Every structure is written in C-alpha cells, then in structure tokens.
N, C-alpha and C. Protein backbone atom coordinates (compact mmCIF):
# COMPACT_ATOMS: atom_id res chain seq x y z
N MET A 1 204.09 210.92 128.47
CA MET A 1 204.98 211.19 129.86
C MET A 1 206.44 211.96 129.40
N THR A 2 207.27 212.56 130.62
CA THR A 2 208.26 213.07 130.28
C THR A 2 208.98 212.57 132.03
N ILE A 3 210.28 211.89 131.21
CA ILE A 3 210.97 211.41 132.50
C ILE A 3 212.32 212.20 132.41
N GLU A 4 213.08 212.88 132.95
CA GLU A 4 214.02 213.71 133.02
C GLU A 4 214.83 214.16 134.06
N ALA A 5 215.94 214.03 134.21
CA ALA A 5 216.96 214.45 135.48
C ALA A 5 216.49 215.64 135.43
N ASP A 6 216.85 215.96 136.77
CA ASP A 6 217.17 217.16 137.25
C ASP A 6 218.17 218.33 136.88
N PRO A 7 217.59 219.46 135.92
CA PRO A 7 218.40 219.96 135.65
C PRO A 7 219.61 220.52 136.28
N ASN A 8 219.26 220.92 137.38
CA ASN A 8 220.14 221.84 138.77
C ASN A 8 220.96 220.20 139.43
N ALA A 9 220.71 219.32 139.36
CA ALA A 9 221.31 217.85 139.99
C ALA A 9 222.88 218.11 139.14
N THR A 10 223.70 217.53 140.38
CA THR A 10 225.34 217.76 140.18
C THR A 10 225.27 216.08 139.82
N GLY A 11 226.28 215.45 138.48
CA GLY A 11 226.51 214.30 137.83
C GLY A 11 225.40 213.72 137.30
N ALA A 12 225.87 212.73 136.80
CA ALA A 12 224.76 212.40 135.98
C ALA A 12 223.78 211.09 136.41
N VAL A 13 222.48 211.34 135.70
CA VAL A 13 221.59 210.25 136.06
C VAL A 13 222.08 208.78 135.48
N VAL A 14 222.04 208.24 136.37
CA VAL A 14 222.28 206.70 135.69
C VAL A 14 221.15 205.75 135.80
N LEU A 15 220.71 205.03 135.22
CA LEU A 15 219.89 203.99 135.12
C LEU A 15 220.85 202.70 134.82
N LEU A 16 221.49 201.51 135.50
CA LEU A 16 221.86 201.36 135.65
C LEU A 16 221.55 199.52 135.41
N ALA A 17 221.42 198.62 135.02
CA ALA A 17 221.14 197.21 134.42
C ALA A 17 222.41 196.44 134.99
N THR A 18 222.33 196.14 136.48
CA THR A 18 223.49 194.92 136.90
C THR A 18 223.05 193.74 136.67
N GLU A 19 222.30 193.01 135.25
CA GLU A 19 221.81 191.68 135.94
C GLU A 19 221.36 191.89 134.49
N LEU A 20 220.75 190.20 133.84
CA LEU A 20 219.96 190.27 133.19
C LEU A 20 218.43 191.01 133.19
N ILE A 21 217.90 191.45 132.41
CA ILE A 21 216.77 192.60 132.38
C ILE A 21 215.17 191.67 132.69
N PRO A 22 214.76 191.36 133.83
CA PRO A 22 213.78 190.59 134.30
C PRO A 22 212.63 190.36 133.42
N ASN A 23 212.01 191.79 132.41
CA ASN A 23 211.03 191.91 131.40
C ASN A 23 211.61 191.62 130.34
N GLN A 24 213.15 191.35 129.86
CA GLN A 24 213.54 190.73 128.40
C GLN A 24 213.49 191.37 127.49
N LYS A 25 213.54 193.00 128.15
CA LYS A 25 213.25 193.85 126.82
C LYS A 25 214.00 195.00 127.13
N GLY A 26 213.93 195.83 127.83
CA GLY A 26 214.55 197.06 127.98
C GLY A 26 214.42 197.80 129.47
N ILE A 27 215.62 198.36 129.65
CA ILE A 27 215.11 199.07 130.92
C ILE A 27 213.99 200.21 131.43
N ILE A 28 213.41 201.16 130.06
CA ILE A 28 212.52 202.03 130.03
C ILE A 28 211.71 200.96 129.07
N ILE A 29 210.06 200.70 129.28
CA ILE A 29 209.22 200.43 128.20
C ILE A 29 208.24 200.97 127.83
N ALA A 30 208.55 201.53 126.78
CA ALA A 30 207.88 202.17 126.68
C ALA A 30 205.80 202.16 125.77
N ASP A 31 204.72 202.50 126.22
CA ASP A 31 203.21 202.07 125.47
C ASP A 31 202.90 203.21 125.02
N SER A 32 203.07 204.23 125.27
CA SER A 32 202.42 205.45 124.55
C SER A 32 203.81 206.58 124.38
N SER A 33 203.34 207.34 124.00
CA SER A 33 204.52 208.46 124.04
C SER A 33 205.52 209.01 124.72
N LEU A 34 206.24 209.01 124.88
CA LEU A 34 207.63 209.45 125.90
C LEU A 34 208.19 210.49 125.28
N THR A 35 208.88 211.23 126.69
CA THR A 35 210.03 212.19 126.35
C THR A 35 210.99 211.65 127.33
N VAL A 36 212.15 211.58 127.46
CA VAL A 36 213.41 211.39 128.39
C VAL A 36 214.39 212.26 127.73
N ARG A 37 215.10 213.00 128.80
CA ARG A 37 215.37 213.85 128.57
C ARG A 37 217.09 213.62 129.46
N GLY A 38 218.22 213.74 129.37
CA GLY A 38 219.33 213.95 130.35
C GLY A 38 219.76 212.48 131.28
N LEU A 39 219.27 211.55 130.69
CA LEU A 39 219.52 210.14 131.45
C LEU A 39 220.50 209.80 130.67
N THR A 40 221.04 208.95 132.09
CA THR A 40 222.18 207.64 131.12
C THR A 40 221.98 206.01 131.20
N PHE A 41 221.89 205.64 129.89
CA PHE A 41 221.10 203.91 130.13
C PHE A 41 222.29 203.33 129.83
N GLU A 42 222.79 202.07 130.88
CA GLU A 42 223.93 200.96 130.56
C GLU A 42 223.68 200.18 131.15
N GLY A 43 224.35 199.07 130.47
CA GLY A 43 224.25 197.61 130.85
C GLY A 43 223.20 196.71 130.60
N ALA A 44 222.37 197.23 129.92
CA ALA A 44 220.84 196.62 129.44
C ALA A 44 220.93 195.22 128.65
N ALA A 45 220.90 193.87 128.93
CA ALA A 45 221.10 193.00 128.06
C ALA A 45 220.07 191.70 128.25
N VAL A 46 219.96 190.86 127.98
CA VAL A 46 219.01 189.99 128.25
C VAL A 46 219.33 188.59 127.23
N SER A 47 219.07 187.42 127.55
CA SER A 47 220.21 186.32 127.37
C SER A 47 219.78 186.26 125.93
N ASN A 48 221.27 185.80 125.03
CA ASN A 48 220.78 185.00 123.57
C ASN A 48 219.42 184.16 123.30
N SER A 49 219.07 183.71 124.14
CA SER A 49 218.30 182.88 123.95
C SER A 49 216.52 183.97 124.01
N ASP A 50 216.66 184.54 124.69
CA ASP A 50 215.73 185.47 124.66
C ASP A 50 215.59 186.70 123.53
N GLY A 51 216.79 186.37 122.63
CA GLY A 51 217.07 187.64 121.66
C GLY A 51 218.38 188.41 121.79
N GLY A 52 218.50 188.72 123.06
CA GLY A 52 220.01 189.39 122.61
C GLY A 52 219.98 190.41 122.89
N ASN A 53 218.47 191.37 123.03
CA ASN A 53 218.91 192.61 122.85
C ASN A 53 218.41 193.73 123.79
N GLY A 54 218.55 193.36 124.69
CA GLY A 54 218.34 194.40 125.85
C GLY A 54 218.44 195.48 125.50
N ALA A 55 217.35 196.29 125.69
CA ALA A 55 217.56 197.94 124.89
C ALA A 55 217.55 198.93 126.46
N GLY A 56 218.39 200.02 126.22
CA GLY A 56 217.99 201.10 127.20
C GLY A 56 216.39 201.85 127.12
N ILE A 57 216.48 201.89 125.79
CA ILE A 57 214.78 202.09 125.84
C ILE A 57 214.12 200.99 124.50
N ARG A 58 212.60 200.24 125.15
CA ARG A 58 212.55 199.36 124.69
C ARG A 58 211.01 200.24 124.04
N ASP A 59 210.76 200.53 122.73
CA ASP A 59 209.32 201.38 122.21
C ASP A 59 208.53 200.36 121.97
N GLN A 60 207.33 200.29 122.43
CA GLN A 60 206.25 199.11 122.22
C GLN A 60 205.16 199.50 121.01
N ASN A 61 205.14 201.04 120.70
CA ASN A 61 204.27 201.30 120.26
C ASN A 61 203.77 200.94 119.06
N TYR A 62 202.49 200.67 118.68
CA TYR A 62 201.85 199.75 117.23
C TYR A 62 200.88 201.06 116.64
N ASP A 63 200.47 200.13 115.47
CA ASP A 63 199.66 201.03 114.58
C ASP A 63 198.30 201.17 115.54
N GLY A 64 197.61 202.04 115.39
CA GLY A 64 196.83 202.45 115.59
C GLY A 64 196.16 203.42 116.93
N GLU A 65 197.03 203.63 117.59
CA GLU A 65 197.87 204.63 118.40
C GLU A 65 196.70 205.85 118.11
N THR A 66 196.13 206.30 119.36
CA THR A 66 195.11 207.52 119.37
C THR A 66 195.41 208.49 120.97
N PRO A 67 196.11 209.65 120.55
CA PRO A 67 196.38 210.47 119.04
C PRO A 67 198.19 209.49 118.65
N PRO A 68 198.25 209.56 117.36
CA PRO A 68 199.70 208.84 117.13
C PRO A 68 200.53 209.18 118.27
N ALA A 69 201.79 207.96 118.62
CA ALA A 69 202.59 208.12 119.13
C ALA A 69 204.05 208.73 119.06
N SER A 70 204.56 209.21 119.98
CA SER A 70 205.86 209.98 119.77
C SER A 70 207.00 209.62 120.70
N LEU A 71 208.32 209.66 120.39
CA LEU A 71 209.09 209.10 121.10
C LEU A 71 210.40 210.52 120.69
N VAL A 72 210.75 210.96 121.99
CA VAL A 72 211.85 212.33 122.13
C VAL A 72 212.75 211.54 122.99
N VAL A 73 213.62 211.57 122.83
CA VAL A 73 215.03 211.05 123.00
C VAL A 73 216.22 212.33 123.21
N GLU A 74 216.60 212.97 124.53
CA GLU A 74 216.59 214.46 123.99
C GLU A 74 218.22 214.33 125.65
N ASN A 75 219.55 214.47 125.14
CA ASN A 75 220.72 214.76 125.87
C ASN A 75 220.95 213.54 126.85
N CYS A 76 220.87 212.22 126.57
CA CYS A 76 220.87 210.98 126.48
C CYS A 76 221.95 210.53 126.23
N THR A 77 222.23 209.53 127.06
CA THR A 77 224.03 208.92 126.18
C THR A 77 223.10 206.82 127.08
N PHE A 78 223.66 206.41 125.77
CA PHE A 78 223.61 205.11 126.15
C PHE A 78 224.71 203.95 125.58
N VAL A 79 225.62 203.69 126.65
CA VAL A 79 226.44 203.05 126.86
C VAL A 79 226.63 201.69 127.38
N GLY A 80 227.12 200.78 126.59
CA GLY A 80 227.10 199.32 127.02
C GLY A 80 226.08 198.41 127.12
N ASN A 81 225.10 198.93 126.39
CA ASN A 81 223.82 198.05 126.40
C ASN A 81 223.60 197.03 125.24
N GLN A 82 222.99 195.86 124.97
CA GLN A 82 222.80 195.19 123.55
C GLN A 82 222.37 195.73 122.70
N GLU A 83 221.06 196.93 123.37
CA GLU A 83 220.80 197.70 121.96
C GLU A 83 220.56 198.88 122.37
N GLY A 84 220.95 200.21 122.16
CA GLY A 84 220.07 201.77 122.70
C GLY A 84 219.56 202.09 122.81
N ILE A 85 218.37 201.87 121.36
CA ILE A 85 217.04 202.17 121.76
C ILE A 85 216.55 200.87 120.29
N LEU A 86 215.34 200.42 120.87
CA LEU A 86 213.99 199.21 119.89
C LEU A 86 212.95 199.56 119.72
N THR A 87 212.57 200.04 118.46
CA THR A 87 211.37 200.70 118.28
C THR A 87 210.76 199.41 117.51
N GLY A 88 209.09 199.42 117.96
CA GLY A 88 207.98 198.50 117.34
C GLY A 88 207.70 198.94 115.98
N TYR A 89 206.29 198.69 115.97
CA TYR A 89 205.61 198.81 114.75
C TYR A 89 204.76 199.92 114.02
N ASP A 90 204.65 201.35 114.50
CA ASP A 90 203.76 202.05 114.05
C ASP A 90 204.23 203.26 112.99
N ALA A 91 203.18 202.68 112.12
CA ALA A 91 203.48 203.44 110.83
C ALA A 91 202.92 204.82 111.17
N ILE A 92 202.88 205.69 111.61
CA ILE A 92 202.39 207.19 112.38
C ILE A 92 203.53 207.33 112.92
N GLU A 93 204.29 206.45 114.02
CA GLU A 93 204.98 207.27 115.25
C GLU A 93 205.88 208.16 114.42
N THR A 94 206.15 209.59 115.10
CA THR A 94 207.09 210.12 115.11
C THR A 94 208.85 209.96 116.28
N ILE A 95 209.82 210.24 115.84
CA ILE A 95 210.66 209.44 116.64
C ILE A 95 211.74 210.83 116.44
N GLN A 96 212.11 211.28 117.41
CA GLN A 96 213.33 212.18 117.56
C GLN A 96 214.46 212.26 118.32
N ILE A 97 216.13 211.94 117.91
CA ILE A 97 216.88 211.51 118.77
C ILE A 97 217.52 212.78 118.40
N ILE A 98 217.96 213.88 119.68
CA ILE A 98 218.51 214.97 120.10
C ILE A 98 219.78 214.89 120.94
N ASN A 99 220.71 215.27 120.49
CA ASN A 99 222.03 215.71 121.20
C ASN A 99 222.50 214.11 122.47
N SER A 100 222.17 213.67 122.02
CA SER A 100 222.76 212.05 122.45
C SER A 100 223.44 211.38 122.07
N THR A 101 224.34 210.20 122.82
CA THR A 101 225.15 209.60 122.87
C THR A 101 225.16 208.25 122.47
N PHE A 102 225.66 207.27 121.44
CA PHE A 102 225.34 206.24 121.44
C PHE A 102 226.45 205.61 121.21
N ALA A 103 227.53 204.89 122.60
CA ALA A 103 228.80 204.32 122.57
C ALA A 103 228.81 203.05 123.08
N ASN A 104 229.55 202.28 122.83
CA ASN A 104 229.95 201.27 122.51
C ASN A 104 229.09 200.38 123.03
N ASN A 105 227.93 200.10 122.34
CA ASN A 105 226.63 199.03 122.66
C ASN A 105 227.21 197.83 121.64
N GLY A 106 226.22 196.63 122.10
CA GLY A 106 226.06 195.97 120.77
C GLY A 106 226.44 194.07 121.38
N ASN A 107 226.23 193.25 120.85
CA ASN A 107 226.35 192.01 121.04
C ASN A 107 227.17 191.18 120.87
N ILE A 108 228.28 190.30 121.16
CA ILE A 108 229.80 189.54 120.68
C ILE A 108 228.88 189.05 119.92
N ASN A 109 227.66 188.12 119.96
CA ASN A 109 227.46 186.85 119.30
C ASN A 109 226.72 187.37 118.34
N PRO A 110 227.23 187.22 116.82
CA PRO A 110 227.04 187.26 115.53
C PRO A 110 226.03 186.97 114.92
N ASN A 111 225.09 185.88 115.59
CA ASN A 111 223.50 185.70 115.01
C ASN A 111 222.64 186.42 115.63
N VAL A 112 223.12 187.37 117.12
CA VAL A 112 222.04 188.12 117.19
C VAL A 112 222.18 189.51 116.77
N PHE A 113 223.00 190.05 116.28
CA PHE A 113 223.25 191.14 115.34
C PHE A 113 222.31 192.40 116.11
N GLN A 114 222.87 192.65 117.16
CA GLN A 114 221.75 194.11 117.63
C GLN A 114 222.55 195.38 116.73
N HIS A 115 221.97 196.52 117.13
CA HIS A 115 222.12 198.33 116.89
C HIS A 115 221.99 198.55 117.70
N ALA A 116 223.06 200.11 117.47
CA ALA A 116 222.66 201.22 118.88
C ALA A 116 221.61 201.91 118.53
N LEU A 117 220.93 201.93 117.46
CA LEU A 117 219.56 202.62 117.36
C LEU A 117 218.60 202.14 116.03
N TYR A 118 218.11 201.11 116.85
CA TYR A 118 217.17 200.57 115.54
C TYR A 118 215.20 200.88 115.56
N VAL A 119 215.36 201.40 114.19
CA VAL A 119 213.97 201.99 114.24
C VAL A 119 212.92 201.03 113.67
N ASN A 120 212.22 200.23 113.69
CA ASN A 120 211.19 199.75 113.00
C ASN A 120 210.31 200.33 112.39
N LEU A 121 209.24 199.92 111.72
CA LEU A 121 208.59 200.96 110.94
C LEU A 121 207.73 201.81 111.51
N ALA A 122 207.87 203.19 111.07
CA ALA A 122 207.92 204.10 111.96
C ALA A 122 207.35 205.34 110.81
N GLY A 123 206.31 206.73 111.14
CA GLY A 123 206.44 207.56 110.47
C GLY A 123 207.41 208.42 110.02
N SER A 124 208.23 209.18 110.90
CA SER A 124 209.62 209.61 110.59
C SER A 124 210.43 209.36 111.62
N LEU A 125 211.62 209.31 111.51
CA LEU A 125 212.61 209.56 112.09
C LEU A 125 213.55 210.29 112.10
N THR A 126 214.10 211.67 113.07
CA THR A 126 215.03 212.94 113.01
C THR A 126 216.05 212.49 114.06
N VAL A 127 217.16 212.32 113.65
CA VAL A 127 218.75 212.30 114.37
C VAL A 127 219.58 213.49 114.23
N THR A 128 219.52 214.06 114.91
CA THR A 128 220.28 215.76 114.84
C THR A 128 221.24 215.41 116.31
N GLY A 129 222.47 216.23 116.08
CA GLY A 129 223.48 216.52 117.38
C GLY A 129 223.65 215.39 117.65
N SER A 130 223.82 214.31 117.48
CA SER A 130 224.37 212.99 118.11
C SER A 130 225.68 212.26 117.85
N LEU A 131 226.03 211.74 118.64
CA LEU A 131 227.29 211.01 118.80
C LEU A 131 226.93 209.18 118.98
N PHE A 132 227.77 208.53 117.48
CA PHE A 132 227.32 207.04 117.49
C PHE A 132 228.72 206.81 117.31
N GLY A 133 229.05 205.35 118.20
CA GLY A 133 230.48 204.54 117.92
C GLY A 133 230.50 203.41 118.69
N GLY A 134 231.51 202.84 118.22
CA GLY A 134 231.81 201.62 119.16
C GLY A 134 230.99 200.16 118.93
N GLN A 135 229.75 200.14 118.00
CA GLN A 135 228.93 199.14 117.96
C GLN A 135 229.42 198.33 117.58
N LEU A 136 229.32 197.02 118.05
CA LEU A 136 229.16 195.55 117.92
C LEU A 136 228.52 194.88 116.64
N ILE A 137 229.15 194.72 115.58
CA ILE A 137 228.66 194.01 114.27
C ILE A 137 227.41 194.17 113.63
N GLY A 138 226.33 194.73 114.86
CA GLY A 138 224.91 195.54 113.79
C GLY A 138 225.56 196.92 113.22
N HIS A 139 224.29 197.74 113.22
CA HIS A 139 224.75 199.17 112.53
C HIS A 139 224.81 199.87 114.08
N GLU A 140 224.96 201.18 113.36
CA GLU A 140 225.10 202.32 114.10
C GLU A 140 223.66 203.19 114.32
N ILE A 141 223.16 203.40 112.88
CA ILE A 141 221.60 203.83 112.94
C ILE A 141 220.93 202.56 112.01
N LYS A 142 219.82 201.88 111.72
CA LYS A 142 218.95 201.17 111.23
C LYS A 142 217.73 202.02 111.52
N SER A 143 217.04 202.09 110.23
CA SER A 143 216.00 202.90 110.24
C SER A 143 214.86 202.29 109.23
N ARG A 144 213.69 201.80 109.66
CA ARG A 144 212.80 201.44 108.39
C ARG A 144 211.80 202.49 108.32
N ALA A 145 212.03 203.72 108.73
CA ALA A 145 211.01 205.02 109.11
C ALA A 145 210.36 205.35 107.73
N MET A 146 209.28 205.42 107.62
CA MET A 146 209.08 206.04 106.07
C MET A 146 209.68 207.25 105.62
N THR A 147 210.07 208.18 106.56
CA THR A 147 211.47 209.10 106.37
C THR A 147 212.07 209.60 107.66
N THR A 148 213.36 209.46 107.13
CA THR A 148 214.63 209.52 107.69
C THR A 148 215.58 210.45 107.42
N THR A 149 215.72 211.43 108.62
CA THR A 149 216.38 212.24 108.66
C THR A 149 218.10 212.36 109.70
N ILE A 150 218.61 212.25 109.02
CA ILE A 150 220.02 212.26 110.27
C ILE A 150 220.99 213.39 109.47
N THR A 151 221.18 214.48 110.22
CA THR A 151 221.75 215.39 109.96
C THR A 151 222.73 215.75 111.76
N ASN A 152 223.81 216.48 111.28
CA ASN A 152 225.02 217.23 112.29
C ASN A 152 224.79 216.16 113.24
N ASN A 153 225.56 215.13 112.90
CA ASN A 153 226.11 213.71 113.82
C ASN A 153 227.76 213.30 113.47
N ARG A 154 228.57 213.19 114.44
CA ARG A 154 229.32 212.33 114.21
C ARG A 154 229.18 210.68 114.55
N ILE A 155 229.43 210.09 113.46
CA ILE A 155 229.14 208.46 113.42
C ILE A 155 230.07 208.12 112.95
N TYR A 156 230.94 206.96 113.53
CA TYR A 156 232.36 206.39 114.00
C TYR A 156 231.44 204.57 113.53
N ASP A 157 231.83 204.39 112.53
CA ASP A 157 231.91 202.91 111.50
C ASP A 157 232.85 202.37 111.40
N GLY A 158 232.97 201.32 113.08
CA GLY A 158 234.78 200.20 112.90
C GLY A 158 235.52 201.47 113.11
N ALA A 159 235.60 202.71 113.25
CA ALA A 159 236.51 203.60 114.19
C ALA A 159 236.27 204.36 115.27
N ALA A 160 237.82 204.55 115.88
CA ALA A 160 237.46 204.63 117.44
C ALA A 160 237.92 206.48 117.28
N ASP A 161 237.19 206.65 118.63
CA ASP A 161 237.81 208.33 119.07
C ASP A 161 238.09 208.41 120.66
N PRO A 162 239.19 207.84 120.84
CA PRO A 162 239.64 208.09 122.35
C PRO A 162 239.19 209.16 122.90
N ALA A 163 239.55 210.11 122.46
CA ALA A 163 238.82 211.44 123.33
C ALA A 163 237.17 211.43 123.83
N ASP A 164 236.09 211.15 122.82
CA ASP A 164 235.06 210.46 123.69
C ASP A 164 234.78 209.44 124.11
N GLY A 165 235.99 208.16 124.19
CA GLY A 165 235.90 206.97 124.77
C GLY A 165 235.23 206.16 124.01
N ILE A 166 234.83 206.14 122.48
CA ILE A 166 234.76 205.38 121.73
C ILE A 166 235.40 204.33 120.75
N ARG A 167 235.15 203.24 121.62
CA ARG A 167 236.30 201.79 120.72
C ARG A 167 236.05 201.92 119.20
N ALA A 168 236.73 201.45 118.64
CA ALA A 168 236.79 200.85 117.64
C ALA A 168 236.14 199.36 117.48
N GLY A 169 234.93 199.81 117.02
CA GLY A 169 233.70 198.81 117.22
C GLY A 169 233.65 198.15 115.96
N SER A 170 233.27 197.11 115.49
CA SER A 170 232.91 196.17 114.48
C SER A 170 231.39 195.91 113.62
N SER A 171 230.78 197.85 113.59
CA SER A 171 229.55 197.77 113.24
C SER A 171 229.57 197.36 111.46
N SER A 172 228.77 197.27 110.80
CA SER A 172 228.63 197.05 109.37
C SER A 172 228.14 198.05 108.35
N TYR A 173 227.32 199.07 108.96
CA TYR A 173 227.09 199.97 108.45
C TYR A 173 226.97 201.21 109.33
N GLY A 174 227.18 202.23 108.69
CA GLY A 174 227.31 203.56 109.58
C GLY A 174 225.22 204.09 109.98
N ILE A 175 224.93 203.91 108.60
CA ILE A 175 223.59 204.00 108.39
C ILE A 175 223.04 202.94 107.56
N ASP A 176 221.75 202.34 107.74
CA ASP A 176 221.08 201.73 107.35
C ASP A 176 219.86 201.68 106.79
N THR A 177 219.40 202.06 105.66
CA THR A 177 217.60 202.07 105.77
C THR A 177 217.34 201.09 104.81
N PRO A 178 217.00 200.25 105.47
CA PRO A 178 216.56 198.51 104.42
C PRO A 178 215.38 198.64 103.51
N ASN A 179 214.21 199.30 104.30
CA ASN A 179 213.02 199.90 103.55
C ASN A 179 212.86 200.53 102.67
N GLY A 180 214.49 201.55 102.41
CA GLY A 180 214.14 202.91 101.33
C GLY A 180 213.50 203.72 102.13
N GLY A 181 212.12 204.66 101.31
CA GLY A 181 211.71 205.36 101.79
C GLY A 181 212.52 206.78 101.61
N VAL A 182 211.95 208.06 102.19
CA VAL A 182 212.16 209.31 101.75
C VAL A 182 213.85 209.08 102.62
N VAL A 183 214.98 209.46 102.78
CA VAL A 183 216.20 209.31 103.21
C VAL A 183 216.60 210.56 103.25
N ALA A 184 216.98 211.78 104.11
CA ALA A 184 218.13 212.52 104.00
C ALA A 184 218.96 212.45 105.24
N ILE A 185 220.48 212.69 104.28
CA ILE A 185 221.48 212.68 105.41
C ILE A 185 222.49 213.36 104.76
N SER A 186 222.79 214.61 106.04
CA SER A 186 223.46 215.89 105.67
C SER A 186 224.25 216.19 106.56
N GLY A 187 225.80 217.15 106.80
CA GLY A 187 226.10 217.90 107.92
C GLY A 187 226.83 217.05 108.79
N ASN A 188 227.13 215.57 108.34
CA ASN A 188 227.52 214.62 109.57
C ASN A 188 229.12 214.60 109.17
N LEU A 189 229.54 213.76 109.95
CA LEU A 189 231.10 213.44 110.30
C LEU A 189 230.90 212.29 110.34
N MET A 190 231.21 211.52 109.14
CA MET A 190 231.42 209.94 109.25
C MET A 190 232.63 209.23 109.02
N LEU A 191 232.98 208.95 109.78
CA LEU A 191 234.45 208.11 109.60
C LEU A 191 234.53 206.51 109.68
N LYS A 192 234.55 205.34 108.77
CA LYS A 192 234.75 204.27 108.30
C LYS A 192 236.21 203.83 108.32
N ASP A 193 236.67 202.35 109.70
CA ASP A 193 237.54 201.70 109.42
C ASP A 193 237.74 200.44 108.84
N VAL A 194 238.66 199.42 109.06
CA VAL A 194 239.06 198.50 108.39
C VAL A 194 238.68 197.57 109.34
N LEU A 195 238.17 197.83 110.77
CA LEU A 195 237.29 196.80 111.72
C LEU A 195 235.89 196.84 110.94
N SER A 196 235.15 197.51 110.39
CA SER A 196 234.21 197.41 109.86
C SER A 196 234.27 196.37 108.63
N PRO A 197 232.89 195.05 108.84
CA PRO A 197 233.23 193.79 108.09
C PRO A 197 232.69 194.59 106.15
N LYS A 198 231.67 195.36 106.60
CA LYS A 198 231.39 195.67 105.00
C LYS A 198 231.79 197.00 104.38
N SER A 199 231.90 196.97 103.50
CA SER A 199 232.61 198.56 102.90
C SER A 199 231.51 200.18 102.75
N PRO A 200 230.62 199.16 102.49
CA PRO A 200 229.75 200.69 102.20
C PRO A 200 229.47 201.66 103.85
N MET A 201 229.41 202.88 103.57
CA MET A 201 229.20 203.43 104.82
C MET A 201 227.73 203.43 105.20
N VAL A 202 226.91 203.37 104.04
CA VAL A 202 225.20 203.60 103.65
C VAL A 202 224.64 202.86 103.34
N ALA A 203 223.84 202.38 103.83
CA ALA A 203 222.98 201.13 103.10
C ALA A 203 221.61 201.91 102.43
N TYR A 204 221.18 201.74 101.55
CA TYR A 204 219.56 202.51 101.41
C TYR A 204 219.00 201.29 100.30
N GLY A 205 217.77 200.54 101.12
CA GLY A 205 216.72 199.68 100.07
C GLY A 205 217.46 198.43 99.97
N GLU A 206 218.27 198.03 100.57
CA GLU A 206 219.05 196.78 100.17
C GLU A 206 217.75 195.49 100.52
N GLU A 207 216.60 195.51 101.05
CA GLU A 207 215.87 194.79 101.34
C GLU A 207 214.29 194.64 100.47
N ARG A 208 213.81 196.05 100.40
CA ARG A 208 212.74 196.32 99.86
C ARG A 208 212.63 197.86 99.42
N MET A 209 211.69 198.20 98.50
CA MET A 209 211.76 199.89 98.73
C MET A 209 210.07 200.08 99.01
N ILE A 210 209.89 200.71 99.70
CA ILE A 210 208.41 201.10 100.37
C ILE A 210 207.81 201.47 99.52
C-alpha cells in the first residue's frame, strides 16, 4: 500500500491526533508493506500505563511475511509525537527513511523512554537526507537492524536549531545501535550539547552483539 499527499495540493497534509489514540499504538498501523510520502504526523500519544509510546507510524510486521515486508517513509514530518516511528520484529524487513523530519518528539516521563525513530529487529535500516532533533530523554535514532546505514542527515542531540524549529531536547544518544551489526555512518552533521544526559553521540553494541 502507498499513502501519499497529492503533489499538486497546497499546504501540508497533517494527520493530527487531538486525544489519546484509541488503538493505543499509532496514527497509522502497518501490518504489511507500506510506503508513505508527503504526510505530517502530529500529536500521537497513549497513556503511560499503556506504554506512553504513541507513534506516528507503528509498523507491526513480524518474521514469516511473504513476500518480505518493507517500510518506505519519504518527505514526511513527525512532530510532537511520543514516538515518531516504531517498528516490530521482522528479521528480513527493509526500512528506508528518506528526506524526512523528526522534530520535538518524546515523552517527558523518564520511565517510558521513547525515541524519534525506533527500529526493532529488521534486515536493514537506511536513513538519508533527514533531520532529527528536539527528542526528549530517548534517542534520535535507535536501530536493532542487522544492517544500519545513516548518511547525509542532520542530527541534533540536546542541541537546538531555531531556524528549523528544533528545540534543545534531552536525547541520550544521537544514534544508538544496541545490538551491534553492520553499521555505516557517514556524511552527517551531528551536534551534541550539554542538555544530553550522556556524553557519547553514537552508541554501538552496548547491549549485545548480533
């Protein structure tokens, strides 16, 4: 399935959650391959007792999908959600984030610790030409994918960029790959400031190695 904004439309196409999400997961839930282009996701939230991880996109693909699932997000904006994108546990799924913005997301409760982009088990994650910043407490990018490629992005970890509407967040890492795996990080502008509670910008394999 492809969900995309009309390229001839004027103004942003905004999917705005104005109350706690009834499905307790996300504004869009994907159970098979999905491509999303040109949409803005805003205000996704669920109660902390339900996880505090309301997402703009909740990808629920799991191992065994035929054909293998994919998630492509292009020219999208995620702002003011508890979590921008949260994915499932599909060891062969491919995930691509292209020219998208993740701004001022997160949950102020430190017990739930959400992330702007959180990819659980996946075959590959590729992030290109995107902007991350203003995340509260969690990480800007967290990936457990077997292969993670992050190129030509701007990533603000505890640093502000008023020109792009990025607040000085309190994210712990700019990039976290706790399972290790094959990771390539190149051509990114990465800024870290004192509001980040941890000194490293990038964490690799701190939980276990694939």
